PDB file of N, CA and C in Angstrom:
ATOM      1  N   SER A   1     128.097 109.897  96.653  1.00  0.00           N
ATOM      2  CA  SER A   1     126.776 110.538  96.730  1.00  0.00           C
ATOM      3  C   SER A   1     126.241 110.382  98.089  1.00  0.00           C
ATOM      4  N   LEU A   2     125.154 111.247  98.310  1.00  0.00           N
ATOM      5  CA  LEU A   2     124.654 111.217  99.592  1.00  0.00           C
ATOM      6  C   LEU A   2     124.019 109.688 100.024  1.00  0.00           C
ATOM      7  N   LEU A   3     123.208 109.139  99.028  1.00  0.00           N
ATOM      8  CA  LEU A   3     122.854 107.791  99.416  1.00  0.00           C
ATOM      9  C   LEU A   3     123.725 106.806  99.593  1.00  0.00           C
ATOM     10  N   GLN A   4     125.014 106.923  99.092  1.00  0.00           N
ATOM     11  CA  GLN A   4     126.037 105.887  99.455  1.00  0.00           C
ATOM     12  C   GLN A   4     126.456 106.103 100.864  1.00  0.00           C
ATOM     13  N   LYS A   5     126.480 107.368 101.185  1.00  0.00           N
ATOM     14  CA  LYS A   5     126.969 107.670 102.336  1.00  0.00           C
ATOM     15  C   LYS A   5     125.978 107.314 103.574  1.00  0.00           C
ATOM     16  N   LEU A   6     124.744 107.449 103.185  1.00  0.00           N
ATOM     17  CA  LEU A   6     123.679 106.921 104.094  1.00  0.00           C
ATOM     18  C   LEU A   6     123.755 105.384 104.455  1.00  0.00           C
ATOM     19  N   PHE A   7     123.992 104.775 103.227  1.00  0.00           N
ATOM     20  CA  PHE A   7     123.887 103.406 103.493  1.00  0.00           C
ATOM     21  C   PHE A   7     125.100 102.637 103.683  1.00  0.00           C
ATOM     22  N   LYS A   8     126.389 103.298 104.043  1.00  0.00           N
ATOM     23  CA  LYS A   8     127.478 102.825 104.379  1.00  0.00           C
ATOM     24  C   LYS A   8     127.389 102.187 105.764  1.00  0.00           C
ATOM     25  N   GLY A   9     127.988 101.067 106.014  1.00  0.00           N
ATOM     26  CA  GLY A   9     127.835 100.377 107.334  1.00  0.00           C
ATOM     27  C   GLY A   9     128.535 101.345 108.390  1.00  0.00           C
ATOM     28  N   ASP A  10     129.744 101.723 107.940  1.00  0.00           N
ATOM     29  CA  ASP A  10     130.579 102.457 108.947  1.00  0.00           C
ATOM     30  C   ASP A  10     129.974 103.766 109.317  1.00  0.00           C
ATOM     31  N   ASP A  11     129.206 104.458 108.539  1.00  0.00           N
ATOM     32  CA  ASP A  11     128.583 105.754 108.706  1.00  0.00           C
ATOM     33  C   ASP A  11     127.332 105.482 109.794  1.00  0.00           C
ATOM     34  N   ILE A  12     126.748 104.413 109.599  1.00  0.00           N
ATOM     35  CA  ILE A  12     125.499 103.981 110.297  1.00  0.00           C
ATOM     36  C   ILE A  12     126.172 103.643 111.822  1.00  0.00           C
ATOM     37  N   LYS A  13     127.115 102.905 111.832  1.00  0.00           N
ATOM     38  CA  LYS A  13     127.853 102.653 113.083  1.00  0.00           C
ATOM     39  C   LYS A  13     128.236 103.935 113.822  1.00  0.00           C
ATOM     40  N   THR A  14     128.973 104.806 113.149  1.00  0.00           N
ATOM     41  CA  THR A  14     129.342 106.073 113.548  1.00  0.00           C
ATOM     42  C   THR A  14     128.070 106.729 114.190  1.00  0.00           C
ATOM     43  N   SER A  15     127.042 106.888 113.262  1.00  0.00           N
ATOM     44  CA  SER A  15     125.950 107.697 113.663  1.00  0.00           C
ATOM     45  C   SER A  15     125.394 107.019 114.941  1.00  0.00           C
ATOM     46  N   ALA A  16     125.191 105.962 115.142  1.00  0.00           N
ATOM     47  CA  ALA A  16     124.808 105.161 116.244  1.00  0.00           C
ATOM     48  C   ALA A  16     125.583 105.410 117.483  1.00  0.00           C
ATOM     49  N   ILE A  17     126.809 105.428 117.501  1.00  0.00           N
ATOM     50  CA  ILE A  17     127.822 105.483 118.609  1.00  0.00           C
ATOM     51  C   ILE A  17     127.625 107.074 118.978  1.00  0.00           C
ATOM     52  N   GLU A  18     127.563 108.137 117.965  1.00  0.00           N
ATOM     53  CA  GLU A  18     127.365 109.442 118.277  1.00  0.00           C
ATOM     54  C   GLU A  18     126.068 109.673 119.052  1.00  0.00           C
ATOM     55  N   ALA A  19     124.928 109.071 118.418  1.00  0.00           N
ATOM     56  CA  ALA A  19     123.705 109.315 119.174  1.00  0.00           C
ATOM     57  C   ALA A  19     123.731 108.651 120.585  1.00  0.00           C
ATOM     58  N   PHE A  20     124.244 107.485 120.758  1.00  0.00           N
ATOM     59  CA  PHE A  20     124.366 106.859 122.065  1.00  0.00           C
ATOM     60  C   PHE A  20     125.154 107.593 123.031  1.00  0.00           C
ATOM     61  N   THR A  21     126.228 108.094 122.588  1.00  0.00           N
ATOM     62  CA  THR A  21     127.087 108.953 123.408  1.00  0.00           C
ATOM     63  C   THR A  21     126.384 110.390 123.775  1.00  0.00           C
ATOM     64  N   ALA A  22     125.902 111.063 122.930  1.00  0.00           N
ATOM     65  CA  ALA A  22     125.059 112.074 123.201  1.00  0.00           C
ATOM     66  C   ALA A  22     123.915 111.776 124.178  1.00  0.00           C
ATOM     67  N   LYS A  23     123.157 110.847 124.054  1.00  0.00           N
ATOM     68  CA  LYS A  23     122.149 110.394 125.009  1.00  0.00           C
ATOM     69  C   LYS A  23     122.717 110.258 126.375  1.00  0.00           C
ATOM     70  N   LYS A  24     123.827 109.455 126.590  1.00  0.00           N
ATOM     71  CA  LYS A  24     124.533 109.193 127.720  1.00  0.00           C
ATOM     72  C   LYS A  24     124.862 110.532 128.397  1.00  0.00           C
ATOM     73  N   LYS A  25     125.586 111.383 127.601  1.00  0.00           N
ATOM     74  CA  LYS A  25     126.025 112.623 128.072  1.00  0.00           C
ATOM     75  C   LYS A  25     124.844 113.435 128.650  1.00  0.00           C
ATOM     76  N   LEU A  26     123.536 113.528 127.852  1.00  0.00           N
ATOM     77  CA  LEU A  26     122.446 114.155 128.320  1.00  0.00           C
ATOM     78  C   LEU A  26     122.032 113.709 129.654  1.00  0.00           C
ATOM     79  N   GLU A  27     122.042 112.319 129.826  1.00  0.00           N
ATOM     80  CA  GLU A  27     121.398 111.817 131.006  1.00  0.00           C
ATOM     81  C   GLU A  27     122.302 112.047 132.164  1.00  0.00           C
ATOM     82  N   ALA A  28     123.709 112.103 131.873  1.00  0.00           N
ATOM     83  CA  ALA A  28     124.615 112.490 132.999  1.00  0.00           C
ATOM     84  C   ALA A  28     124.369 114.035 133.421  1.00  0.00           C
ATOM     85  N   GLN A  29     123.980 114.723 132.490  1.00  0.00           N
ATOM     86  CA  GLN A  29     123.932 116.191 132.700  1.00  0.00           C
ATOM     87  C   GLN A  29     122.647 116.510 133.581  1.00  0.00           C
ATOM     88  N   ARG A  30     121.606 115.764 133.146  1.00  0.00           N
ATOM     89  CA  ARG A  30     120.261 115.743 133.800  1.00  0.00           C
ATOM     90  C   ARG A  30     120.333 115.384 135.219  1.00  0.00           C
ATOM     91  N   GLN A  31     121.263 114.228 135.434  1.00  0.00           N
ATOM     92  CA  GLN A  31     121.415 113.817 136.805  1.00  0.00           C
ATOM     93  C   GLN A  31     122.178 114.799 137.604  1.00  0.00           C
ATOM     94  N   GLU A  32     123.060 115.336 137.068  1.00  0.00           N
ATOM     95  CA  GLU A  32     123.874 116.412 137.826  1.00  0.00           C
ATOM     96  C   GLU A  32     122.829 117.558 138.152  1.00  0.00           C
ATOM     97  N   LEU A  33     122.156 118.007 137.109  1.00  0.00           N
ATOM     98  CA  LEU A  33     121.311 119.106 137.484  1.00  0.00           C
ATOM     99  C   LEU A  33     120.232 118.779 138.609  1.00  0.00           C
ATOM    100  N   LYS A  34     119.719 117.514 138.525  1.00  0.00           N
ATOM    101  CA  LYS A  34     118.732 117.043 139.635  1.00  0.00           C
ATOM    102  C   LYS A  34     119.463 117.146 140.904  1.00  0.00           C
ATOM    103  N   SER A  35     120.693 116.604 140.961  1.00  0.00           N
ATOM    104  CA  SER A  35     121.410 116.797 142.240  1.00  0.00           C
ATOM    105  C   SER A  35     121.683 118.130 142.752  1.00  0.00           C
ATOM    106  N   PHE A  36     122.045 118.913 141.847  1.00  0.00           N
ATOM    107  CA  PHE A  36     122.215 120.535 142.068  1.00  0.00           C
ATOM    108  C   PHE A  36     121.001 121.079 142.675  1.00  0.00           C
ATOM    109  N   ILE A  37     119.805 120.815 141.983  1.00  0.00           N
ATOM    110  CA  ILE A  37     118.641 121.669 142.378  1.00  0.00           C
ATOM    111  C   ILE A  37     118.151 120.954 143.717  1.00  0.00           C
ATOM    112  N   ASN A  38     118.151 119.656 143.836  1.00  0.00           N
ATOM    113  CA  ASN A  38     117.803 119.101 145.077  1.00  0.00           C
ATOM    114  C   ASN A  38     118.596 119.484 146.256  1.00  0.00           C
ATOM    115  N   PHE A  39     119.972 119.692 146.025  1.00  0.00           N
ATOM    116  CA  PHE A  39     120.810 120.219 147.043  1.00  0.00           C
ATOM    117  C   PHE A  39     120.644 121.614 147.430  1.00  0.00           C
ATOM    118  N   HIS A  40     120.629 122.436 146.495  1.00  0.00           N
ATOM    119  CA  HIS A  40     120.318 123.852 146.675  1.00  0.00           C
ATOM    120  C   HIS A  40     118.802 124.264 147.191  1.00  0.00           C
ATOM    121  N   TYR A  41     117.766 123.570 146.587  1.00  0.00           N
ATOM    122  CA  TYR A  41     116.330 124.004 146.801  1.00  0.00           C
ATOM    123  C   TYR A  41     115.582 123.129 147.526  1.00  0.00           C
ATOM    124  N   GLY A  42     116.140 121.907 148.139  1.00  0.00           N
ATOM    125  CA  GLY A  42     115.301 120.909 148.759  1.00  0.00           C
ATOM    126  C   GLY A  42     115.165 119.597 148.122  1.00  0.00           C
ATOM    127  N   ALA A  43     114.750 118.677 148.856  1.00  0.00           N
ATOM    128  CA  ALA A  43     114.567 117.244 148.383  1.00  0.00           C
ATOM    129  C   ALA A  43     113.568 117.067 147.184  1.00  0.00           C
ATOM    130  N   ASN A  44     112.409 117.898 147.548  1.00  0.00           N
ATOM    131  CA  ASN A  44     111.298 117.611 146.649  1.00  0.00           C
ATOM    132  C   ASN A  44     111.231 118.633 145.399  1.00  0.00           C
ATOM    133  N   SER A  45     112.136 119.471 145.217  1.00  0.00           N
ATOM    134  CA  SER A  45     112.397 120.509 143.962  1.00  0.00           C
ATOM    135  C   SER A  45     112.336 119.969 142.770  1.00  0.00           C
ATOM    136  N   TRP A  46     113.138 118.742 142.624  1.00  0.00           N
ATOM    137  CA  TRP A  46     113.162 118.237 141.371  1.00  0.00           C
ATOM    138  C   TRP A  46     111.875 117.682 140.839  1.00  0.00           C
ATOM    139  N   ASN A  47     111.072 117.042 141.800  1.00  0.00           N
ATOM    140  CA  ASN A  47     109.850 116.664 141.546  1.00  0.00           C
ATOM    141  C   ASN A  47     108.925 117.628 141.272  1.00  0.00           C
ATOM    142  N   GLU A  48     108.906 118.907 141.857  1.00  0.00           N
ATOM    143  CA  GLU A  48     108.216 119.942 141.443  1.00  0.00           C
ATOM    144  C   GLU A  48     108.383 120.393 139.863  1.00  0.00           C
ATOM    145  N   ILE A  49     109.853 120.376 139.460  1.00  0.00           N
ATOM    146  CA  ILE A  49     110.059 120.770 138.215  1.00  0.00           C
ATOM    147  C   ILE A  49     109.563 119.711 137.308  1.00  0.00           C
ATOM    148  N   LEU A  50     109.612 118.485 137.569  1.00  0.00           N
ATOM    149  CA  LEU A  50     109.060 117.368 136.898  1.00  0.00           C
ATOM    150  C   LEU A  50     107.463 117.672 136.583  1.00  0.00           C
ATOM    151  N   HIS A  51     107.055 118.073 137.647  1.00  0.00           N
ATOM    152  CA  HIS A  51     105.439 118.221 137.582  1.00  0.00           C
ATOM    153  C   HIS A  51     105.030 119.481 136.779  1.00  0.00           C
ATOM    154  N   MET A  52     106.017 120.608 136.844  1.00  0.00           N
ATOM    155  CA  MET A  52     105.762 121.709 136.019  1.00  0.00           C
ATOM    156  C   MET A  52     106.071 121.322 134.499  1.00  0.00           C
ATOM    157  N   GLU A  53     107.041 120.610 134.277  1.00  0.00           N
ATOM    158  CA  GLU A  53     107.217 120.160 132.916  1.00  0.00           C
ATOM    159  C   GLU A  53     106.012 119.399 132.233  1.00  0.00           C
ATOM    160  N   GLY A  54     105.449 118.427 133.284  1.00  0.00           N
ATOM    161  CA  GLY A  54     104.140 117.909 132.567  1.00  0.00           C
ATOM    162  C   GLY A  54     103.099 118.865 132.373  1.00  0.00           C
ATOM    163  N   GLN A  55     102.943 119.632 133.275  1.00  0.00           N
ATOM    164  CA  GLN A  55     101.806 120.783 132.977  1.00  0.00           C
ATOM    165  C   GLN A  55     102.026 121.558 131.858  1.00  0.00           C
ATOM    166  N   ILE A  56     103.346 121.952 131.735  1.00  0.00           N
ATOM    167  CA  ILE A  56     103.478 122.701 130.481  1.00  0.00           C
ATOM    168  C   ILE A  56     103.431 121.893 129.115  1.00  0.00           C
ATOM    169  N   ARG A  57     103.765 120.636 129.253  1.00  0.00           N
ATOM    170  CA  ARG A  57     103.611 119.823 128.152  1.00  0.00           C
ATOM    171  C   ARG A  57     102.247 119.641 127.811  1.00  0.00           C
ATOM    172  N   LYS A  58     101.461 119.446 128.728  1.00  0.00           N
ATOM    173  CA  LYS A  58      99.756 119.281 128.700  1.00  0.00           C
ATOM    174  C   LYS A  58      99.247 120.607 127.929  1.00  0.00           C
ATOM    175  N   GLN A  59      99.704 121.748 128.562  1.00  0.00           N
ATOM    176  CA  GLN A  59      99.048 122.799 127.896  1.00  0.00           C
ATOM    177  C   GLN A  59      99.401 123.225 126.612  1.00  0.00           C
ATOM    178  N   ARG A  60     100.700 122.864 126.270  1.00  0.00           N
ATOM    179  CA  ARG A  60     101.270 122.968 124.732  1.00  0.00           C
ATOM    180  C   ARG A  60     100.471 122.155 123.860  1.00  0.00           C
ATOM    181  N   GLN A  61     100.127 120.921 124.316  1.00  0.00           N
ATOM    182  CA  GLN A  61      99.338 119.908 123.599  1.00  0.00           C
ATOM    183  C   GLN A  61      97.981 120.543 123.291  1.00  0.00           C
ATOM    184  N   LYS A  62      97.532 121.096 124.528  1.00  0.00           N
ATOM    185  CA  LYS A  62      96.017 121.602 124.179  1.00  0.00           C
ATOM    186  C   LYS A  62      95.891 122.874 123.363  1.00  0.00           C
ATOM    187  N   GLU A  63      97.133 123.630 123.437  1.00  0.00           N
ATOM    188  CA  GLU A  63      97.017 124.710 122.465  1.00  0.00           C
ATOM    189  C   GLU A  63      97.242 124.425 120.971  1.00  0.00           C
ATOM    190  N   ILE A  64      98.106 123.218 120.823  1.00  0.00           N
ATOM    191  CA  ILE A  64      98.339 122.734 119.440  1.00  0.00           C
ATOM    192  C   ILE A  64      96.874 122.182 118.919  1.00  0.00           C
ATOM    193  N   TYR A  65      96.174 121.446 120.003  1.00  0.00           N
ATOM    194  CA  TYR A  65      94.995 120.835 119.371  1.00  0.00           C
ATOM    195  C   TYR A  65      93.997 121.805 119.081  1.00  0.00           C
ATOM    196  N   GLU A  66      93.787 122.985 119.975  1.00  0.00           N
ATOM    197  CA  GLU A  66      93.095 124.085 119.796  1.00  0.00           C
ATOM    198  C   GLU A  66      93.265 124.902 118.491  1.00  0.00           C
ATOM    199  N   ARG A  67      94.393 124.937 117.992  1.00  0.00           N
ATOM    200  CA  ARG A  67      94.815 125.654 116.705  1.00  0.00           C
ATOM    201  C   ARG A  67      94.431 124.737 115.580  1.00  0.00           C
ATOM    202  N   GLN A  68      94.736 123.476 115.811  1.00  0.00           N
ATOM    203  CA  GLN A  68      94.346 122.583 114.706  1.00  0.00           C
ATOM    204  C   GLN A  68      92.767 122.501 114.544  1.00  0.00           C
ATOM    205  N   GLU A  69      92.046 122.478 115.644  1.00  0.00           N
ATOM    206  CA  GLU A  69      90.610 122.509 115.527  1.00  0.00           C
ATOM    207  C   GLU A  69      89.942 123.761 115.038  1.00  0.00           C
ATOM    208  N   LEU A  70      90.728 124.975 115.238  1.00  0.00           N
ATOM    209  CA  LEU A  70      90.313 126.158 114.637  1.00  0.00           C
ATOM    210  C   LEU A  70      90.366 126.183 113.085  1.00  0.00           C
ATOM    211  N   ARG A  71      91.458 125.746 112.781  1.00  0.00           N
ATOM    212  CA  ARG A  71      91.900 125.717 111.347  1.00  0.00           C
ATOM    213  C   ARG A  71      90.784 124.729 110.600  1.00  0.00           C
ATOM    214  N   ARG A  72      90.394 123.614 111.142  1.00  0.00           N
ATOM    215  CA  ARG A  72      89.524 122.688 110.690  1.00  0.00           C
ATOM    216  C   ARG A  72      88.170 123.253 110.605  1.00  0.00           C
ATOM    217  N   LYS A  73      87.827 124.170 111.599  1.00  0.00           N
ATOM    218  CA  LYS A  73      86.376 124.904 111.574  1.00  0.00           C
ATOM    219  C   LYS A  73      86.570 125.741 110.532  1.00  0.00           C
ATOM    220  N   ILE A  74      87.621 126.698 110.432  1.00  0.00           N
ATOM    221  CA  ILE A  74      87.734 127.528 109.343  1.00  0.00           C
ATOM    222  C   ILE A  74      87.624 127.063 107.904  1.00  0.00           C
ATOM    223  N   ALA A  75      88.268 125.909 107.738  1.00  0.00           N
ATOM    224  CA  ALA A  75      88.200 125.155 106.524  1.00  0.00           C
ATOM    225  C   ALA A  75      86.877 124.689 106.149  1.00  0.00           C
ATOM    226  N   GLU A  76      86.039 124.331 107.288  1.00  0.00           N
ATOM    227  CA  GLU A  76      84.720 123.836 106.932  1.00  0.00           C
ATOM    228  C   GLU A  76      83.863 124.907 106.609  1.00  0.00           C
ATOM    229  N   TRP A  77      83.975 126.033 107.221  1.00  0.00           N
ATOM    230  CA  TRP A  77      83.173 127.144 106.992  1.00  0.00           C
ATOM    231  C   TRP A  77      83.521 127.841 105.609  1.00  0.00           C
ATOM    232  N   ILE A  78      84.705 127.787 105.264  1.00  0.00           N
ATOM    233  CA  ILE A  78      85.025 128.098 103.844  1.00  0.00           C
ATOM    234  C   ILE A  78      84.366 127.177 102.781  1.00  0.00           C
ATOM    235  N   GLY A  79      84.462 125.982 103.211  1.00  0.00           N
ATOM    236  CA  GLY A  79      83.681 125.019 102.178  1.00  0.00           C
ATOM    237  C   GLY A  79      82.203 125.142 102.179  1.00  0.00           C
ATOM    238  N   ILE A  80      81.575 125.436 103.280  1.00  0.00           N
ATOM    239  CA  ILE A  80      80.120 125.743 103.310  1.00  0.00           C
ATOM    240  C   ILE A  80      79.818 127.152 102.667  1.00  0.00           C
ATOM    241  N   VAL A  81      80.523 128.061 102.812  1.00  0.00           N
ATOM    242  CA  VAL A  81      80.284 129.162 102.028  1.00  0.00           C
ATOM    243  C   VAL A  81      80.463 129.000 100.461  1.00  0.00           C
ATOM    244  N   LEU A  82      81.450 128.370 100.092  1.00  0.00           N
ATOM    245  CA  LEU A  82      81.765 128.206  98.663  1.00  0.00           C
ATOM    246  C   LEU A  82      80.622 127.155  98.196  1.00  0.00           C
ATOM    247  N   LEU A  83      80.117 126.374  98.955  1.00  0.00           N
ATOM    248  CA  LEU A  83      79.137 125.508  98.461  1.00  0.00           C
ATOM    249  C   LEU A  83      77.879 126.252  98.269  1.00  0.00           C
ATOM    250  N   CYS A  84      77.566 127.054  99.340  1.00  0.00           N
ATOM    251  CA  CYS A  84      76.189 127.864  99.202  1.00  0.00           C
ATOM    252  C   CYS A  84      76.339 128.895  97.996  1.00  0.00           C
ATOM    253  N   CYS A  85      77.525 129.415  97.770  1.00  0.00           N
ATOM    254  CA  CYS A  85      77.739 130.440  96.669  1.00  0.00           C
ATOM    255  C   CYS A  85      77.516 129.690  95.237  1.00  0.00           C
ATOM    256  N   THR A  86      78.005 128.329  95.288  1.00  0.00           N
ATOM    257  CA  THR A  86      77.875 127.642  93.964  1.00  0.00           C
ATOM    258  C   THR A  86      76.413 127.297  93.816  1.00  0.00           C
ATOM    259  N   ILE A  87      75.711 126.771  94.884  1.00  0.00           N
ATOM    260  CA  ILE A  87      74.258 126.507  94.775  1.00  0.00           C
ATOM    261  C   ILE A  87      73.517 127.800  94.288  1.00  0.00           C
ATOM    262  N   ILE A  88      73.863 129.082  94.920  1.00  0.00           N
ATOM    263  CA  ILE A  88      72.994 130.194  94.659  1.00  0.00           C
ATOM    264  C   ILE A  88      73.380 130.581  93.255  1.00  0.00           C
ATOM    265  N   GLY A  89      74.666 130.455  92.703  1.00  0.00           N
ATOM    266  CA  GLY A  89      75.147 130.733  91.384  1.00  0.00           C
ATOM    267  C   GLY A  89      74.190 129.857  90.536  1.00  0.00           C
ATOM    268  N   PHE A  90      74.267 128.574  90.831  1.00  0.00           N
ATOM    269  CA  PHE A  90      73.529 127.683  89.845  1.00  0.00           C
ATOM    270  C   PHE A  90      71.919 128.028  89.729  1.00  0.00           C
ATOM    271  N   ILE A  91      71.412 128.393  90.692  1.00  0.00           N
ATOM    272  CA  ILE A  91      69.931 128.734  90.876  1.00  0.00           C
ATOM    273  C   ILE A  91      69.843 130.057  89.989  1.00  0.00           C
ATOM    274  N   VAL A  92      70.664 130.979  90.184  1.00  0.00           N
ATOM    275  CA  VAL A  92      70.563 132.382  89.451  1.00  0.00           C
ATOM    276  C   VAL A  92      70.652 131.893  87.998  1.00  0.00           C
ATOM    277  N   PHE A  93      71.655 130.846  87.610  1.00  0.00           N
ATOM    278  CA  PHE A  93      71.858 130.691  86.001  1.00  0.00           C
ATOM    279  C   PHE A  93      70.702 129.888  85.677  1.00  0.00           C
ATOM    280  N   LEU A  94      69.996 129.187  86.377  1.00  0.00           N
ATOM    281  CA  LEU A  94      68.921 128.470  85.845  1.00  0.00           C
ATOM    282  C   LEU A  94      67.707 129.389  85.692  1.00  0.00           C
ATOM    283  N   ALA A  95      67.642 130.391  86.613  1.00  0.00           N
ATOM    284  CA  ALA A  95      66.603 131.306  86.543  1.00  0.00           C
ATOM    285  C   ALA A  95      66.837 132.247  85.309  1.00  0.00           C
ATOM    286  N   TRP A  96      68.064 132.499  84.902  1.00  0.00           N
ATOM    287  CA  TRP A  96      68.375 133.409  83.815  1.00  0.00           C
ATOM    288  C   TRP A  96      68.178 132.603  82.510  1.00  0.00           C
ATOM    289  N   LEU A  97      68.419 131.113  82.487  1.00  0.00           N
ATOM    290  CA  LEU A  97      67.954 130.389  81.303  1.00  0.00           C
ATOM    291  C   LEU A  97      66.684 130.304  81.087  1.00  0.00           C
ATOM    292  N   TRP A  98      66.016 130.127  82.203  1.00  0.00           N
ATOM    293  CA  TRP A  98      64.476 130.011  82.056  1.00  0.00           C
ATOM    294  C   TRP A  98      63.864 131.403  81.562  1.00  0.00           C
ATOM    295  N   LYS A  99      64.477 132.512  81.952  1.00  0.00           N
ATOM    296  CA  LYS A  99      63.933 133.896  81.686  1.00  0.00           C
ATOM    297  C   LYS A  99      64.215 133.995  80.204  1.00  0.00           C
ATOM    298  N   GLU A 100      65.417 133.682  79.595  1.00  0.00           N
ATOM    299  CA  GLU A 100      65.951 133.710  78.325  1.00  0.00           C
ATOM    300  C   GLU A 100      65.134 132.829  77.395  1.00  0.00           C
ATOM    301  N   LYS A 101      64.626 131.695  77.841  1.00  0.00           N
ATOM    302  CA  LYS A 101      63.719 130.792  77.097  1.00  0.00           C
ATOM    303  C   LYS A 101      62.507 131.186  77.028  1.00  0.00           C
ATOM    304  N   ARG A 102      61.833 131.950  77.936  1.00  0.00           N
ATOM    305  CA  ARG A 102      60.541 132.577  77.934  1.00  0.00           C
ATOM    306  C   ARG A 102      60.415 133.787  77.140  1.00  0.00           C
ATOM    307  N   GLY A 103      61.639 134.363  76.815  1.00  0.00           N
ATOM    308  CA  GLY A 103      61.890 135.520  76.156  1.00  0.00           C
ATOM    309  C   GLY A 103      61.312 136.726  76.534  1.00  0.00           C
TER     310      GLY A 103
END
């Protein structure tokens, strides 16, 4: 079963080795890319790329936060509208009951 495979020691070791190998391969590729960019575009080019990455990451986080905030505000307004409709409906119902009682 899947659970048995997940908890087997060999599979865990294999997964760890694969993850470690992939990480080291990515680090080597990134270093190679850094060397290539610095060689072809100047010594400060890699730092510019890292700066741009940081800016893009910050912008994406800001956009995600703004979308979450918009959803929260929409949910609040929907809740307020539903509450107002419920209160108005209850008042109308009480008025109708009062009118029926007075005949």
